[in-house]
Amino acid sequence: MRILKRGFYSRSTIKVAKELLGKILVRKIGNKIFSGRIVEVEAYLGKNDPASHVSRGKTPRNSVMFGKPGLAYVYFCYGNHFLMNVVTEKENVAGAVLIRAIKPIRGIKGDLINGPGKLTKVLNIDKKFNSYDLTKGKYLYIVDDGFSNFKIVKKRRIGIKKGVEKLLRFCIDI
């Protein structure tokens, strides 16, 4: 298994979103390792995407989306949970992929952690991981184990009010 490097993330947000499917999200807490296979994601594009946090320009909250590809963009949503995105595109070009669901592999109970708020709660991911470099492979990172035998299904994004017609949610057909 290899940790995904910056070059993986420094591409089209849609391409990265599709290729994140099947990869493994890893979270280290002390001596324990928790991991799950990414099975659902949503792409959020730049200023022309009305559902994107950058649709109205750069702000202190969304500035991470303009940062180095491979950073985590973590924010508090609806006043009760954190959501984790992966920054994509080239630096200064906004884009991010929301990790929506994982299939547990190690250290996590259950068959599926579905929902981005549940995912961050189970993996203890909060605001301190905003701007965290996922390419360093320390406490939070994504690896490729070569798993690729699956079909990708495109769907409408959920939990948003604008841009819902765009087929930018991608899932592994389980």
Protein backbone atom coordinates (compact mmCIF):
# COMPACT_ATOMS: atom_id res chain seq x y z
CA MET A 1 0.00 0.00 0.00
CA ARG A 2 1.27 3.44 -0.85
CA ILE A 3 0.24 6.82 0.53
CA LEU A 4 -1.27 9.06 -2.13
CA LYS A 5 1.14 11.83 -3.08
CA ARG A 6 0.42 15.44 -3.97
CA GLY A 7 0.43 14.68 -7.71
CA PHE A 8 -2.61 12.43 -7.27
CA TYR A 9 -4.64 15.34 -5.86
CA SER A 10 -3.24 17.98 -8.25
CA ARG A 11 -5.70 17.13 -11.02
CA SER A 12 -9.30 17.74 -12.02
CA THR A 13 -11.63 17.55 -9.02
CA ILE A 14 -13.97 15.18 -10.85
CA LYS A 15 -11.12 12.84 -11.84
CA VAL A 16 -9.75 12.82 -8.28
CA ALA A 17 -13.24 12.18 -6.87
CA LYS A 18 -13.73 9.10 -9.04
CA GLU A 19 -10.24 7.82 -8.35
CA LEU A 20 -10.58 8.25 -4.57
CA LEU A 21 -13.22 5.52 -4.70
CA GLY A 22 -11.70 2.25 -3.56
CA LYS A 23 -8.80 3.95 -1.75
CA ILE A 24 -8.37 3.52 2.00
CA LEU A 25 -8.78 6.38 4.48
CA VAL A 26 -6.48 5.79 7.47
CA ARG A 27 -6.62 7.47 10.87
CA LYS A 28 -3.97 6.87 13.55
CA ILE A 29 -4.85 7.64 17.16
CA GLY A 30 -2.05 6.75 19.56
CA ASN A 31 -1.09 3.13 18.85
CA LYS A 32 -4.38 2.35 17.13
CA ILE A 33 -5.11 2.39 13.42
CA PHE A 34 -8.61 2.86 12.02
CA SER A 35 -9.29 2.47 8.33
CA GLY A 36 -12.04 2.14 5.78
CA ARG A 37 -12.41 1.88 2.03
CA ILE A 38 -13.83 5.03 0.46
CA VAL A 39 -17.14 4.10 -1.22
CA GLU A 40 -18.88 7.46 -1.70
CA VAL A 41 -17.64 10.98 -2.46
CA GLU A 42 -18.93 14.30 -3.80
CA ALA A 43 -17.02 16.73 -6.01
CA TYR A 44 -17.18 20.47 -5.29
CA LEU A 45 -15.81 22.61 -8.06
CA GLY A 46 -14.64 26.20 -8.12
CA LYS A 47 -16.51 29.48 -8.44
CA ASN A 48 -18.87 28.19 -11.16
CA ASP A 49 -20.31 25.54 -8.83
CA PRO A 50 -23.16 27.16 -6.84
CA ALA A 51 -22.90 24.50 -4.10
CA SER A 52 -19.18 25.06 -3.56
CA HIS A 53 -17.97 27.10 -0.60
CA VAL A 54 -15.91 29.16 -3.04
CA SER A 55 -18.81 30.15 -5.32
CA ARG A 56 -18.71 33.68 -3.91
CA GLY A 57 -14.93 33.94 -3.72
CA LYS A 58 -12.14 33.31 -1.26
CA THR A 59 -12.83 33.77 2.47
CA PRO A 60 -10.91 32.85 5.63
CA ARG A 61 -13.17 29.78 6.01
CA ASN A 62 -12.70 28.39 2.49
CA SER A 63 -9.11 29.52 1.86
CA VAL A 64 -7.87 25.95 2.33
CA MET A 65 -9.64 25.02 -0.91
CA PHE A 66 -7.17 27.31 -2.71
CA GLY A 67 -4.21 25.68 -0.97
CA LYS A 68 -1.92 22.81 -1.85
CA PRO A 69 -3.64 19.77 -3.30
CA GLY A 70 -3.73 16.95 -0.76
CA LEU A 71 -4.70 19.09 2.21
CA ALA A 72 -7.76 18.26 4.29
CA TYR A 73 -10.53 20.86 4.30
CA VAL A 74 -12.52 20.25 7.49
CA TYR A 75 -15.36 22.48 8.59
CA PHE A 76 -18.24 22.51 11.07
CA CYS A 77 -21.62 21.98 9.42
CA TYR A 78 -25.17 22.62 10.60
CA GLY A 79 -23.87 23.36 14.08
CA ASN A 80 -23.42 19.70 15.02
CA HIS A 81 -20.77 17.84 13.01
CA PHE A 82 -17.57 18.17 11.03
CA LEU A 83 -17.17 17.29 7.36
CA MET A 84 -13.89 16.30 5.70
CA ASN A 85 -12.91 17.18 2.17
CA VAL A 86 -9.72 16.61 0.23
CA VAL A 87 -8.32 19.64 -1.63
CA THR A 88 -7.81 19.08 -5.36
CA GLU A 89 -6.65 20.99 -8.45
CA LYS A 90 -3.47 23.09 -8.59
CA GLU A 91 -2.62 25.54 -5.83
CA ASN A 92 -4.72 28.74 -6.09
CA VAL A 93 -7.41 26.88 -8.08
CA ALA A 94 -10.24 25.88 -5.75
CA GLY A 95 -11.67 22.37 -5.69
CA ALA A 96 -12.40 19.70 -3.10
CA VAL A 97 -13.88 16.23 -2.71
CA LEU A 98 -16.14 15.48 0.25
CA ILE A 99 -15.61 12.00 1.70
CA ARG A 100 -19.18 10.76 2.32
CA ALA A 101 -18.86 7.07 3.21
CA ILE A 102 -16.37 4.30 3.99
CA LYS A 103 -16.61 0.55 4.36
CA PRO A 104 -14.73 -0.33 7.58
CA ILE A 105 -11.56 -2.39 7.28
CA ARG A 106 -9.73 -2.04 10.59
CA GLY A 107 -10.70 -0.81 14.05
CA ILE A 108 -14.22 0.33 13.10
CA LYS A 109 -17.39 -1.59 13.89
CA GLY A 110 -20.19 -1.98 11.37
CA ASP A 111 -20.60 -2.68 7.69
CA LEU A 112 -20.76 0.89 6.42
CA ILE A 113 -20.13 4.35 7.82
CA ASN A 114 -22.50 6.33 5.60
CA GLY A 115 -22.69 10.05 6.02
CA PRO A 116 -19.84 12.53 6.22
CA GLY A 117 -20.74 13.59 9.77
CA LYS A 118 -20.77 9.99 11.02
CA LEU A 119 -17.44 9.39 9.30
CA THR A 120 -15.66 12.26 11.04
CA LYS A 121 -17.20 11.31 14.39
CA VAL A 122 -16.08 7.66 14.11
CA LEU A 123 -12.57 8.68 13.04
CA ASN A 124 -12.30 11.57 15.53
CA ILE A 125 -11.67 14.14 12.79
CA ASP A 126 -12.39 17.71 13.82
CA LYS A 127 -11.36 21.30 13.09
CA LYS A 128 -7.75 20.65 14.12
CA PHE A 129 -7.40 18.66 10.88
CA ASN A 130 -8.35 21.64 8.71
CA SER A 131 -5.32 22.28 6.44
CA TYR A 132 -3.77 18.96 7.52
CA ASP A 133 -1.42 17.56 4.87
CA LEU A 134 -2.74 14.11 3.94
CA THR A 135 0.39 13.36 1.89
CA LYS A 136 2.64 13.17 4.98
CA GLY A 137 1.21 9.88 6.26
CA LYS A 138 1.18 10.63 9.96
CA TYR A 139 -2.24 10.81 11.67
CA LEU A 140 -4.61 11.01 8.72
CA TYR A 141 -3.93 9.90 5.15
CA ILE A 142 -5.21 7.94 2.18
CA VAL A 143 -3.55 4.86 0.69
CA ASP A 144 -3.91 2.86 -2.49
CA ASP A 145 -3.93 -0.91 -2.14
CA GLY A 146 -4.68 -1.52 -5.81
CA PHE A 147 -8.39 -2.27 -5.33
CA SER A 148 -10.12 -1.36 -8.58
CA ASN A 149 -12.63 -4.08 -9.45
CA PHE A 150 -15.83 -2.04 -9.13
CA LYS A 151 -18.33 0.01 -11.09
CA ILE A 152 -18.80 3.72 -10.38
CA VAL A 153 -22.33 5.10 -10.13
CA LYS A 154 -22.99 8.85 -10.66
CA LYS A 155 -25.70 10.49 -8.59
CA ARG A 156 -26.95 13.92 -7.59
CA ARG A 157 -25.26 15.52 -4.60
CA ILE A 158 -27.31 15.57 -1.43
CA GLY A 159 -27.56 17.87 1.58
CA ILE A 160 -27.27 21.02 -0.56
CA LYS A 161 -29.74 23.53 -1.98
CA LYS A 162 -27.95 24.79 -5.10
CA GLY A 163 -26.38 22.73 -7.86
CA VAL A 164 -28.34 19.60 -6.91
CA GLU A 165 -28.92 18.71 -10.55
CA LYS A 166 -25.21 18.11 -11.13
CA LEU A 167 -24.19 14.44 -11.11
CA LEU A 168 -21.14 15.01 -8.92
CA ARG A 169 -21.69 12.32 -6.27
CA PHE A 170 -19.82 9.14 -7.07
CA CYS A 171 -20.34 5.76 -5.39
CA ILE A 172 -19.00 2.29 -5.69
CA ASP A 173 -21.82 0.04 -6.90
CA ILE A 174 -21.86 -2.46 -4.03
